[in-house]
Amino acid sequence: QVQLVESGGGLVQAGGSLRLSCAASGRTVSNYVMGWFRQAPGKEREFVAAISWSGSTYYADSVKGRFTISRDNAKNTVYLQMNGLKPEDTAVYYCAANKGLVATMTGAYDYWGQGTQVTVSS
């Protein structure tokens, strides 16, 4: 079993930055695909970014050029650096782990964190 705990969310003004962290425990996730998803009120959970075990990164078009996903395998932690935040980025952000291939669908991920709230004011 893998436990994931997100942190780093908060309230920020438009144009600001936040860095989310996702700490994994239970087993090493160095050979897992790690993803970030978000869910705004009344909307479905959507893909934000993913990083493969080899470090290849993938982004939703809506965040490309503003967000950066990275991983520190020594710390068993994944990060999401978010710059140039917009009000439409407001959501609960979830970290997820996937033992298979890189994927953008929620169903492909085996483990999920509890989420961290990000609120961007205009």
N, C-alpha and C. Protein backbone atom coordinates (compact mmCIF):
# COMPACT_ATOMS: atom_id res chain seq x y z
N GLN A 1 0.83 -1.19 0.00
CA GLN A 1 0.00 0.00 0.00
C GLN A 1 0.86 1.25 0.00
N VAL A 2 0.38 2.27 -0.67
CA VAL A 2 1.05 3.56 -0.73
C VAL A 2 0.13 4.61 -0.12
N GLN A 3 0.65 5.36 0.79
CA GLN A 3 -0.10 6.49 1.35
C GLN A 3 0.50 7.77 0.80
N LEU A 4 -0.36 8.68 0.40
CA LEU A 4 0.05 9.95 -0.18
C LEU A 4 -0.54 11.10 0.63
N VAL A 5 0.29 12.07 0.96
CA VAL A 5 -0.17 13.23 1.72
C VAL A 5 0.28 14.50 1.02
N GLU A 6 -0.69 15.30 0.59
CA GLU A 6 -0.39 16.57 -0.07
C GLU A 6 -0.28 17.69 0.95
N SER A 7 0.50 18.69 0.59
CA SER A 7 0.62 19.90 1.41
C SER A 7 1.02 21.06 0.51
N GLY A 8 0.91 22.26 1.05
CA GLY A 8 1.36 23.43 0.32
C GLY A 8 0.27 24.28 -0.28
N GLY A 9 -0.96 23.83 -0.17
CA GLY A 9 -2.05 24.64 -0.69
C GLY A 9 -2.28 25.88 0.13
N GLY A 10 -3.14 26.76 -0.38
CA GLY A 10 -3.46 27.99 0.34
C GLY A 10 -4.15 28.99 -0.53
N LEU A 11 -4.21 30.22 -0.03
CA LEU A 11 -4.83 31.33 -0.73
C LEU A 11 -3.74 32.22 -1.31
N VAL A 12 -3.86 32.53 -2.59
CA VAL A 12 -2.86 33.36 -3.26
C VAL A 12 -3.57 34.28 -4.24
N GLN A 13 -2.98 35.43 -4.49
CA GLN A 13 -3.55 36.35 -5.47
C GLN A 13 -3.19 35.91 -6.89
N ALA A 14 -4.00 36.31 -7.82
CA ALA A 14 -3.74 36.01 -9.23
C ALA A 14 -2.34 36.49 -9.61
N GLY A 15 -1.63 35.65 -10.34
CA GLY A 15 -0.26 35.94 -10.72
C GLY A 15 0.77 35.40 -9.75
N GLY A 16 0.32 34.94 -8.61
CA GLY A 16 1.22 34.43 -7.59
C GLY A 16 1.64 32.99 -7.84
N SER A 17 2.39 32.45 -6.88
CA SER A 17 2.93 31.10 -7.00
C SER A 17 2.67 30.29 -5.74
N LEU A 18 2.60 29.00 -5.94
CA LEU A 18 2.54 28.04 -4.83
C LEU A 18 3.31 26.79 -5.24
N ARG A 19 3.86 26.09 -4.26
CA ARG A 19 4.47 24.80 -4.53
C ARG A 19 3.78 23.74 -3.69
N LEU A 20 3.17 22.80 -4.36
CA LEU A 20 2.54 21.68 -3.68
C LEU A 20 3.53 20.53 -3.53
N SER A 21 3.42 19.83 -2.42
CA SER A 21 4.25 18.66 -2.18
C SER A 21 3.35 17.46 -1.97
N CYS A 22 3.84 16.30 -2.35
CA CYS A 22 3.12 15.05 -2.14
C CYS A 22 4.13 14.05 -1.58
N ALA A 23 4.00 13.77 -0.30
CA ALA A 23 4.90 12.83 0.36
C ALA A 23 4.30 11.44 0.37
N ALA A 24 5.05 10.48 -0.11
CA ALA A 24 4.59 9.10 -0.17
C ALA A 24 5.21 8.29 0.96
N SER A 25 4.46 7.33 1.46
CA SER A 25 4.95 6.41 2.48
C SER A 25 4.36 5.04 2.23
N GLY A 26 4.91 4.07 2.89
CA GLY A 26 4.44 2.70 2.72
C GLY A 26 5.35 1.90 1.83
N ARG A 27 5.77 2.50 0.74
CA ARG A 27 6.76 1.90 -0.16
C ARG A 27 7.34 2.98 -1.03
N THR A 28 8.44 2.70 -1.65
CA THR A 28 9.03 3.68 -2.54
C THR A 28 8.17 3.83 -3.80
N VAL A 29 8.07 5.06 -4.26
CA VAL A 29 7.30 5.33 -5.48
C VAL A 29 8.21 5.70 -6.64
N SER A 30 9.50 5.39 -6.51
CA SER A 30 10.45 5.78 -7.55
C SER A 30 10.14 5.13 -8.90
N ASN A 31 9.47 3.99 -8.89
CA ASN A 31 9.13 3.33 -10.15
C ASN A 31 7.64 3.47 -10.48
N TYR A 32 6.98 4.43 -9.86
CA TYR A 32 5.58 4.73 -10.13
C TYR A 32 5.48 5.98 -11.00
N VAL A 33 4.46 6.03 -11.83
CA VAL A 33 4.04 7.28 -12.43
C VAL A 33 3.31 8.07 -11.36
N MET A 34 3.67 9.33 -11.21
CA MET A 34 3.02 10.19 -10.24
C MET A 34 2.27 11.30 -10.98
N GLY A 35 1.06 11.56 -10.52
CA GLY A 35 0.24 12.56 -11.20
C GLY A 35 -0.37 13.55 -10.23
N TRP A 36 -0.71 14.70 -10.76
CA TRP A 36 -1.50 15.70 -10.04
C TRP A 36 -2.80 15.90 -10.80
N PHE A 37 -3.88 15.93 -10.07
CA PHE A 37 -5.21 16.20 -10.60
C PHE A 37 -5.84 17.31 -9.77
N ARG A 38 -6.90 17.90 -10.28
CA ARG A 38 -7.61 18.91 -9.51
C ARG A 38 -9.10 18.79 -9.76
N GLN A 39 -9.85 19.26 -8.77
CA GLN A 39 -11.30 19.22 -8.87
C GLN A 39 -11.88 20.50 -8.30
N ALA A 40 -12.54 21.25 -9.16
CA ALA A 40 -13.21 22.48 -8.75
C ALA A 40 -14.66 22.16 -8.36
N PRO A 41 -15.28 22.99 -7.56
CA PRO A 41 -16.66 22.72 -7.14
C PRO A 41 -17.59 22.53 -8.34
N GLY A 42 -18.36 21.45 -8.32
CA GLY A 42 -19.32 21.19 -9.37
C GLY A 42 -18.72 20.65 -10.66
N LYS A 43 -17.42 20.38 -10.65
CA LYS A 43 -16.77 19.88 -11.87
C LYS A 43 -16.13 18.52 -11.61
N GLU A 44 -15.82 17.82 -12.67
CA GLU A 44 -15.16 16.54 -12.55
C GLU A 44 -13.67 16.74 -12.25
N ARG A 45 -13.08 15.72 -11.65
CA ARG A 45 -11.65 15.76 -11.40
C ARG A 45 -10.92 15.70 -12.74
N GLU A 46 -9.92 16.58 -12.90
CA GLU A 46 -9.23 16.65 -14.17
C GLU A 46 -7.72 16.53 -14.00
N PHE A 47 -7.09 16.02 -15.06
CA PHE A 47 -5.65 15.85 -15.08
C PHE A 47 -4.96 17.20 -15.13
N VAL A 48 -3.85 17.31 -14.37
CA VAL A 48 -3.03 18.52 -14.39
C VAL A 48 -1.64 18.22 -14.94
N ALA A 49 -0.97 17.23 -14.35
CA ALA A 49 0.40 16.93 -14.75
C ALA A 49 0.76 15.52 -14.28
N ALA A 50 1.75 14.94 -14.95
CA ALA A 50 2.25 13.63 -14.55
C ALA A 50 3.74 13.55 -14.84
N ILE A 51 4.41 12.68 -14.09
CA ILE A 51 5.84 12.46 -14.28
C ILE A 51 6.10 10.97 -14.23
N SER A 52 6.83 10.48 -15.21
CA SER A 52 7.13 9.05 -15.26
C SER A 52 8.27 8.71 -14.31
N TRP A 53 8.52 7.43 -14.17
CA TRP A 53 9.62 6.99 -13.30
C TRP A 53 10.96 7.49 -13.83
N SER A 54 11.06 7.72 -15.15
CA SER A 54 12.30 8.19 -15.76
C SER A 54 12.41 9.70 -15.77
N GLY A 55 11.36 10.39 -15.34
CA GLY A 55 11.40 11.85 -15.28
C GLY A 55 10.74 12.57 -16.43
N SER A 56 10.16 11.85 -17.37
CA SER A 56 9.42 12.50 -18.45
C SER A 56 8.16 13.14 -17.86
N THR A 57 7.85 14.34 -18.36
CA THR A 57 6.72 15.09 -17.81
C THR A 57 5.63 15.34 -18.85
N TYR A 58 4.42 15.48 -18.36
CA TYR A 58 3.25 15.66 -19.21
C TYR A 58 2.34 16.65 -18.51
N TYR A 59 1.71 17.54 -19.31
CA TYR A 59 0.89 18.60 -18.73
C TYR A 59 -0.41 18.76 -19.50
N ALA A 60 -1.43 19.16 -18.77
CA ALA A 60 -2.66 19.61 -19.42
C ALA A 60 -2.37 20.92 -20.14
N ASP A 61 -3.04 21.15 -21.24
CA ASP A 61 -2.81 22.37 -22.01
C ASP A 61 -3.06 23.62 -21.16
N SER A 62 -3.99 23.54 -20.24
CA SER A 62 -4.37 24.71 -19.45
C SER A 62 -3.28 25.16 -18.49
N VAL A 63 -2.31 24.30 -18.20
CA VAL A 63 -1.27 24.66 -17.23
C VAL A 63 0.12 24.66 -17.86
N LYS A 64 0.22 24.24 -19.10
CA LYS A 64 1.52 24.13 -19.76
C LYS A 64 2.21 25.49 -19.78
N GLY A 65 3.46 25.51 -19.38
CA GLY A 65 4.22 26.76 -19.35
C GLY A 65 4.10 27.51 -18.03
N ARG A 66 3.16 27.10 -17.18
CA ARG A 66 2.98 27.76 -15.87
C ARG A 66 3.30 26.81 -14.71
N PHE A 67 2.98 25.54 -14.88
CA PHE A 67 3.19 24.56 -13.81
C PHE A 67 4.35 23.65 -14.17
N THR A 68 5.06 23.17 -13.14
CA THR A 68 6.16 22.24 -13.34
C THR A 68 6.06 21.12 -12.31
N ILE A 69 6.04 19.89 -12.81
CA ILE A 69 6.02 18.74 -11.92
C ILE A 69 7.45 18.19 -11.83
N SER A 70 7.81 17.76 -10.63
CA SER A 70 9.14 17.19 -10.43
C SER A 70 9.05 16.14 -9.32
N ARG A 71 10.10 15.35 -9.20
CA ARG A 71 10.11 14.33 -8.17
C ARG A 71 11.49 14.23 -7.54
N ASP A 72 11.52 13.90 -6.27
CA ASP A 72 12.76 13.66 -5.54
C ASP A 72 12.64 12.24 -4.98
N ASN A 73 13.23 11.30 -5.67
CA ASN A 73 13.07 9.90 -5.27
C ASN A 73 13.72 9.61 -3.93
N ALA A 74 14.76 10.35 -3.60
CA ALA A 74 15.42 10.15 -2.31
C ALA A 74 14.49 10.51 -1.16
N LYS A 75 13.59 11.45 -1.41
CA LYS A 75 12.63 11.88 -0.39
C LYS A 75 11.26 11.25 -0.59
N ASN A 76 11.14 10.44 -1.65
CA ASN A 76 9.84 9.81 -1.95
C ASN A 76 8.73 10.86 -2.06
N THR A 77 9.06 11.95 -2.72
CA THR A 77 8.17 13.11 -2.77
C THR A 77 8.06 13.64 -4.19
N VAL A 78 6.88 14.12 -4.52
CA VAL A 78 6.62 14.74 -5.81
C VAL A 78 6.15 16.17 -5.55
N TYR A 79 6.50 17.05 -6.45
CA TYR A 79 6.17 18.47 -6.29
C TYR A 79 5.39 18.98 -7.50
N LEU A 80 4.63 20.03 -7.27
CA LEU A 80 3.99 20.75 -8.36
C LEU A 80 4.23 22.24 -8.11
N GLN A 81 5.13 22.83 -8.88
CA GLN A 81 5.38 24.26 -8.81
C GLN A 81 4.38 24.96 -9.69
N MET A 82 3.61 25.86 -9.12
CA MET A 82 2.56 26.55 -9.86
C MET A 82 2.86 28.04 -9.88
N ASN A 83 3.13 28.57 -11.07
CA ASN A 83 3.41 29.98 -11.25
C ASN A 83 2.31 30.62 -12.10
N GLY A 84 2.22 31.91 -12.05
CA GLY A 84 1.22 32.60 -12.86
C GLY A 84 -0.18 32.11 -12.60
N LEU A 85 -0.51 31.91 -11.33
CA LEU A 85 -1.82 31.33 -11.00
C LEU A 85 -2.97 32.24 -11.41
N LYS A 86 -4.04 31.61 -11.83
CA LYS A 86 -5.24 32.30 -12.28
C LYS A 86 -6.42 31.87 -11.41
N PRO A 87 -7.46 32.68 -11.33
CA PRO A 87 -8.64 32.27 -10.54
C PRO A 87 -9.20 30.93 -10.98
N GLU A 88 -9.11 30.62 -12.26
CA GLU A 88 -9.64 29.34 -12.75
C GLU A 88 -8.79 28.14 -12.31
N ASP A 89 -7.66 28.38 -11.67
CA ASP A 89 -6.86 27.29 -11.10
C ASP A 89 -7.38 26.89 -9.71
N THR A 90 -8.33 27.63 -9.19
CA THR A 90 -8.89 27.32 -7.88
C THR A 90 -9.53 25.93 -7.89
N ALA A 91 -9.10 25.08 -6.97
CA ALA A 91 -9.59 23.71 -6.91
C ALA A 91 -8.92 22.99 -5.74
N VAL A 92 -9.41 21.80 -5.46
CA VAL A 92 -8.69 20.89 -4.58
C VAL A 92 -7.73 20.10 -5.47
N TYR A 93 -6.47 20.08 -5.08
CA TYR A 93 -5.44 19.40 -5.87
C TYR A 93 -5.10 18.07 -5.21
N TYR A 94 -5.10 17.01 -6.02
CA TYR A 94 -4.85 15.66 -5.54
C TYR A 94 -3.60 15.09 -6.19
N CYS A 95 -2.84 14.38 -5.38
CA CYS A 95 -1.70 13.62 -5.85
C CYS A 95 -2.14 12.18 -6.04
N ALA A 96 -1.58 11.49 -7.04
CA ALA A 96 -1.95 10.11 -7.30
C ALA A 96 -0.75 9.33 -7.80
N ALA A 97 -0.78 8.03 -7.57
CA ALA A 97 0.30 7.14 -7.98
C ALA A 97 -0.26 6.02 -8.85
N ASN A 98 0.51 5.67 -9.86
CA ASN A 98 0.08 4.71 -10.88
C ASN A 98 1.23 3.76 -11.16
N LYS A 99 0.95 2.46 -11.01
CA LYS A 99 2.01 1.46 -11.22
C LYS A 99 2.24 1.16 -12.69
N GLY A 100 1.38 1.70 -13.57
CA GLY A 100 1.49 1.36 -14.97
C GLY A 100 2.13 2.47 -15.79
N LEU A 101 1.47 2.78 -16.89
CA LEU A 101 1.99 3.77 -17.83
C LEU A 101 1.47 5.15 -17.48
N VAL A 102 2.10 6.17 -18.04
CA VAL A 102 1.62 7.54 -17.85
C VAL A 102 0.21 7.64 -18.42
N ALA A 103 -0.67 8.25 -17.66
CA ALA A 103 -2.06 8.34 -18.07
C ALA A 103 -2.67 9.64 -17.55
N THR A 104 -3.69 10.09 -18.25
CA THR A 104 -4.40 11.30 -17.83
C THR A 104 -5.75 10.98 -17.21
N MET A 105 -6.14 9.71 -17.21
CA MET A 105 -7.44 9.33 -16.67
C MET A 105 -7.33 8.98 -15.20
N THR A 106 -8.30 9.41 -14.42
CA THR A 106 -8.27 9.13 -12.99
C THR A 106 -8.29 7.62 -12.72
N GLY A 107 -8.99 6.87 -13.55
CA GLY A 107 -9.12 5.44 -13.32
C GLY A 107 -7.83 4.65 -13.44
N ALA A 108 -6.82 5.27 -14.04
CA ALA A 108 -5.54 4.58 -14.22
C ALA A 108 -4.68 4.62 -12.97
N TYR A 109 -5.06 5.44 -12.00
CA TYR A 109 -4.24 5.64 -10.81
C TYR A 109 -4.74 4.79 -9.65
N ASP A 110 -3.77 4.20 -8.95
CA ASP A 110 -4.08 3.21 -7.92
C ASP A 110 -4.21 3.82 -6.53
N TYR A 111 -3.49 4.88 -6.27
CA TYR A 111 -3.47 5.47 -4.94
C TYR A 111 -3.69 6.98 -5.05
N TRP A 112 -4.39 7.51 -4.06
CA TRP A 112 -4.74 8.94 -4.04
C TRP A 112 -4.50 9.53 -2.66
N GLY A 113 -4.12 10.81 -2.67
CA GLY A 113 -4.05 11.56 -1.42
C GLY A 113 -5.40 12.16 -1.09
N GLN A 114 -5.44 12.89 0.00
CA GLN A 114 -6.71 13.46 0.48
C GLN A 114 -6.99 14.83 -0.14
N GLY A 115 -6.00 15.42 -0.77
CA GLY A 115 -6.19 16.69 -1.46
C GLY A 115 -5.77 17.88 -0.62
N THR A 116 -5.42 18.96 -1.30
CA THR A 116 -5.09 20.23 -0.66
C THR A 116 -5.75 21.35 -1.46
N GLN A 117 -6.35 22.29 -0.74
CA GLN A 117 -7.12 23.35 -1.39
C GLN A 117 -6.19 24.46 -1.89
N VAL A 118 -6.40 24.85 -3.12
CA VAL A 118 -5.72 26.01 -3.71
C VAL A 118 -6.80 27.01 -4.12
N THR A 119 -6.69 28.22 -3.60
CA THR A 119 -7.65 29.26 -3.93
C THR A 119 -6.90 30.46 -4.47
N VAL A 120 -7.28 30.90 -5.67
CA VAL A 120 -6.63 32.03 -6.32
C VAL A 120 -7.64 33.17 -6.42
N SER A 121 -7.32 34.28 -5.78
CA SER A 121 -8.23 35.42 -5.78
C SER A 121 -7.87 36.36 -6.92
N SER A 122 -8.88 37.03 -7.44
CA SER A 122 -8.66 37.94 -8.58
C SER A 122 -8.36 39.35 -8.11
